[in-house]
Amino acid sequence: MIATPVAAPTWIEVLTSPAGRRRRRPRRSALMVSDLSRQGVVDRRSDPADGRRTIVSISHDPETRAAIEGWLANGASAWRAAFEPLSPQERAVFVRTIEAYEKGAAGPAGAAGAD
């Protein structure tokens, strides 16, 4: 079953994870996170368990969090409405279909334009 976010999470990801999941180079992800950090959208801190990694979280500023949660709310509501009538088996088919699409759309590893 797919979990549908209700509000923005407090902790997003370790910096290197989005690069792997989105098939982006770590340098590109670092640039995006740096830009979001300069704008006050995210906060960065060292991972206490592994100082080589950086934990990125949504800003704790109440106005920024409210704006992000508002931006995410429509999508979360739409996903809830889309998934509500589906059985667990139908949801699983949907997830497998999206995964197959993403794998095909990503092309071969290291292809031009991958970053």
C-alpha atoms as a PDB file:
ATOM      1  CA  MET A   1       0.000   0.000   0.000  1.00  0.00           C
ATOM      2  CA  ILE A   2       1.244   3.476  -0.792  1.00  0.00           C
ATOM      3  CA  ALA A   3       1.572   5.953   2.041  1.00  0.00           C
ATOM      4  CA  THR A   4       0.168   9.335   1.141  1.00  0.00           C
ATOM      5  CA  PRO A   5       1.814  12.310   2.821  1.00  0.00           C
ATOM      6  CA  VAL A   6      -0.501  14.490   4.847  1.00  0.00           C
ATOM      7  CA  ALA A   7       2.005  17.223   5.571  1.00  0.00           C
ATOM      8  CA  ALA A   8       5.603  18.002   4.775  1.00  0.00           C
ATOM      9  CA  PRO A   9       7.989  15.689   6.622  1.00  0.00           C
ATOM     10  CA  THR A  10      10.378  17.055   9.210  1.00  0.00           C
ATOM     11  CA  TRP A  11      13.299  15.113   7.818  1.00  0.00           C
ATOM     12  CA  ILE A  12      13.633  14.655   4.088  1.00  0.00           C
ATOM     13  CA  GLU A  13      16.685  12.693   3.049  1.00  0.00           C
ATOM     14  CA  VAL A  14      20.363  12.270   3.356  1.00  0.00           C
ATOM     15  CA  LEU A  15      21.858  14.368   0.559  1.00  0.00           C
ATOM     16  CA  THR A  16      23.119  11.445  -1.479  1.00  0.00           C
ATOM     17  CA  SER A  17      19.785   9.584  -1.540  1.00  0.00           C
ATOM     18  CA  PRO A  18      17.903  11.888  -3.956  1.00  0.00           C
ATOM     19  CA  ALA A  19      20.806  11.623  -6.395  1.00  0.00           C
ATOM     20  CA  GLY A  20      20.545   7.864  -6.474  1.00  0.00           C
ATOM     21  CA  ARG A  21      16.770   7.703  -6.612  1.00  0.00           C
ATOM     22  CA  ARG A  22      16.418  10.400  -9.243  1.00  0.00           C
ATOM     23  CA  ARG A  23      19.490   9.210 -11.158  1.00  0.00           C
ATOM     24  CA  ARG A  24      21.172  12.572 -10.731  1.00  0.00           C
ATOM     25  CA  ARG A  25      24.789  13.125 -10.046  1.00  0.00           C
ATOM     26  CA  PRO A  26      25.584  14.064  -6.439  1.00  0.00           C
ATOM     27  CA  ARG A  27      27.090  17.381  -7.592  1.00  0.00           C
ATOM     28  CA  ARG A  28      23.792  18.385  -9.226  1.00  0.00           C
ATOM     29  CA  SER A  29      21.837  17.437  -6.103  1.00  0.00           C
ATOM     30  CA  ALA A  30      24.283  19.386  -3.942  1.00  0.00           C
ATOM     31  CA  LEU A  31      23.777  22.467  -6.122  1.00  0.00           C
ATOM     32  CA  MET A  32      19.988  22.178  -5.851  1.00  0.00           C
ATOM     33  CA  VAL A  33      20.150  21.755  -2.078  1.00  0.00           C
ATOM     34  CA  SER A  34      22.566  24.696  -1.767  1.00  0.00           C
ATOM     35  CA  ASP A  35      20.167  26.900  -3.708  1.00  0.00           C
ATOM     36  CA  LEU A  36      17.197  25.823  -1.550  1.00  0.00           C
ATOM     37  CA  SER A  37      19.290  26.402   1.566  1.00  0.00           C
ATOM     38  CA  ARG A  38      20.225  29.943   0.473  1.00  0.00           C
ATOM     39  CA  GLN A  39      16.518  30.656  -0.053  1.00  0.00           C
ATOM     40  CA  GLY A  40      15.721  29.396   3.456  1.00  0.00           C
ATOM     41  CA  VAL A  41      13.582  26.494   2.211  1.00  0.00           C
ATOM     42  CA  VAL A  42      15.762  23.744   3.682  1.00  0.00           C
ATOM     43  CA  ASP A  43      18.253  23.381   6.506  1.00  0.00           C
ATOM     44  CA  ARG A  44      21.398  21.256   6.310  1.00  0.00           C
ATOM     45  CA  ARG A  45      23.329  19.577   9.101  1.00  0.00           C
ATOM     46  CA  SER A  46      25.936  16.850   9.386  1.00  0.00           C
ATOM     47  CA  ASP A  47      24.666  13.332   9.936  1.00  0.00           C
ATOM     48  CA  PRO A  48      25.719  12.468  13.514  1.00  0.00           C
ATOM     49  CA  ALA A  49      26.069   8.799  12.530  1.00  0.00           C
ATOM     50  CA  ASP A  50      28.245   9.513   9.474  1.00  0.00           C
ATOM     51  CA  GLY A  51      29.964  12.888   9.237  1.00  0.00           C
ATOM     52  CA  ARG A  52      30.541  12.401   5.498  1.00  0.00           C
ATOM     53  CA  ARG A  53      26.815  12.758   4.865  1.00  0.00           C
ATOM     54  CA  THR A  54      24.509  15.737   5.170  1.00  0.00           C
ATOM     55  CA  ILE A  55      20.932  15.614   6.439  1.00  0.00           C
ATOM     56  CA  VAL A  56      18.596  17.980   4.634  1.00  0.00           C
ATOM     57  CA  SER A  57      15.291  18.947   6.254  1.00  0.00           C
ATOM     58  CA  ILE A  58      12.532  21.384   5.507  1.00  0.00           C
ATOM     59  CA  SER A  59      13.099  24.693   7.236  1.00  0.00           C
ATOM     60  CA  HIS A  60      11.714  25.017  10.739  1.00  0.00           C
ATOM     61  CA  ASP A  61      10.583  28.572   9.964  1.00  0.00           C
ATOM     62  CA  PRO A  62       6.773  28.503  10.502  1.00  0.00           C
ATOM     63  CA  GLU A  63       5.963  30.634   7.433  1.00  0.00           C
ATOM     64  CA  THR A  64       8.193  28.552   5.166  1.00  0.00           C
ATOM     65  CA  ARG A  65       6.770  25.284   6.494  1.00  0.00           C
ATOM     66  CA  ALA A  66       3.196  26.540   6.047  1.00  0.00           C
ATOM     67  CA  ALA A  67       3.940  27.522   2.442  1.00  0.00           C
ATOM     68  CA  ILE A  68       5.501  24.131   1.675  1.00  0.00           C
ATOM     69  CA  GLU A  69       2.688  22.211   3.366  1.00  0.00           C
ATOM     70  CA  GLY A  70       0.144  24.291   1.425  1.00  0.00           C
ATOM     71  CA  TRP A  71       1.957  23.562  -1.820  1.00  0.00           C
ATOM     72  CA  LEU A  72       2.007  19.816  -1.054  1.00  0.00           C
ATOM     73  CA  ALA A  73      -1.588  19.657   0.189  1.00  0.00           C
ATOM     74  CA  ASN A  74      -3.272  19.670  -3.226  1.00  0.00           C
ATOM     75  CA  GLY A  75      -1.084  16.845  -4.474  1.00  0.00           C
ATOM     76  CA  ALA A  76      -1.616  14.796  -1.325  1.00  0.00           C
ATOM     77  CA  SER A  77      -5.395  15.262  -1.588  1.00  0.00           C
ATOM     78  CA  ALA A  78      -5.344  14.269  -5.253  1.00  0.00           C
ATOM     79  CA  TRP A  79      -3.337  11.098  -4.515  1.00  0.00           C
ATOM     80  CA  ARG A  80      -5.680  10.158  -1.650  1.00  0.00           C
ATOM     81  CA  ALA A  81      -8.709  10.599  -3.923  1.00  0.00           C
ATOM     82  CA  ALA A  82      -7.084   8.581  -6.709  1.00  0.00           C
ATOM     83  CA  PHE A  83      -6.033   5.687  -4.456  1.00  0.00           C
ATOM     84  CA  GLU A  84      -9.060   5.508  -2.152  1.00  0.00           C
ATOM     85  CA  PRO A  85     -11.263   3.419  -4.466  1.00  0.00           C
ATOM     86  CA  LEU A  86      -8.429   1.021  -5.422  1.00  0.00           C
ATOM     87  CA  SER A  87      -7.888  -2.354  -3.821  1.00  0.00           C
ATOM     88  CA  PRO A  88      -4.430  -3.194  -2.465  1.00  0.00           C
ATOM     89  CA  GLN A  89      -3.834  -5.320  -5.589  1.00  0.00           C
ATOM     90  CA  GLU A  90      -4.795  -2.431  -7.892  1.00  0.00           C
ATOM     91  CA  ARG A  91      -2.496  -0.095  -5.980  1.00  0.00           C
ATOM     92  CA  ALA A  92       0.360  -2.589  -6.375  1.00  0.00           C
ATOM     93  CA  VAL A  93      -0.224  -2.726 -10.148  1.00  0.00           C
ATOM     94  CA  PHE A  94      -0.114   1.062 -10.278  1.00  0.00           C
ATOM     95  CA  VAL A  95       3.158   1.196  -8.335  1.00  0.00           C
ATOM     96  CA  ARG A  96       4.780  -1.466 -10.539  1.00  0.00           C
ATOM     97  CA  THR A  97       3.626   0.403 -13.645  1.00  0.00           C
ATOM     98  CA  ILE A  98       5.127   3.704 -12.472  1.00  0.00           C
ATOM     99  CA  GLU A  99       8.371   1.954 -11.497  1.00  0.00           C
ATOM    100  CA  ALA A 100       8.603   0.347 -14.951  1.00  0.00           C
ATOM    101  CA  TYR A 101       7.946   3.711 -16.604  1.00  0.00           C
ATOM    102  CA  GLU A 102      10.620   5.463 -14.509  1.00  0.00           C
ATOM    103  CA  LYS A 103      13.146   2.734 -15.288  1.00  0.00           C
ATOM    104  CA  GLY A 104      12.432   2.990 -19.015  1.00  0.00           C
ATOM    105  CA  ALA A 105      12.372   6.789 -19.043  1.00  0.00           C
ATOM    106  CA  ALA A 106      15.733   6.965 -17.245  1.00  0.00           C
ATOM    107  CA  GLY A 107      17.436   5.217 -20.153  1.00  0.00           C
ATOM    108  CA  PRO A 108      20.753   3.474 -19.823  1.00  0.00           C
ATOM    109  CA  ALA A 109      22.859   4.356 -16.768  1.00  0.00           C
ATOM    110  CA  GLY A 110      25.219   7.230 -17.457  1.00  0.00           C
ATOM    111  CA  ALA A 111      23.400   8.344 -20.620  1.00  0.00           C
ATOM    112  CA  ALA A 112      23.816  11.947 -21.717  1.00  0.00           C
ATOM    113  CA  GLY A 113      21.419  14.244 -19.912  1.00  0.00           C
ATOM    114  CA  ALA A 114      21.354  12.063 -16.808  1.00  0.00           C
ATOM    115  CA  ASP A 115      22.288  14.991 -14.670  1.00  0.00           C
END
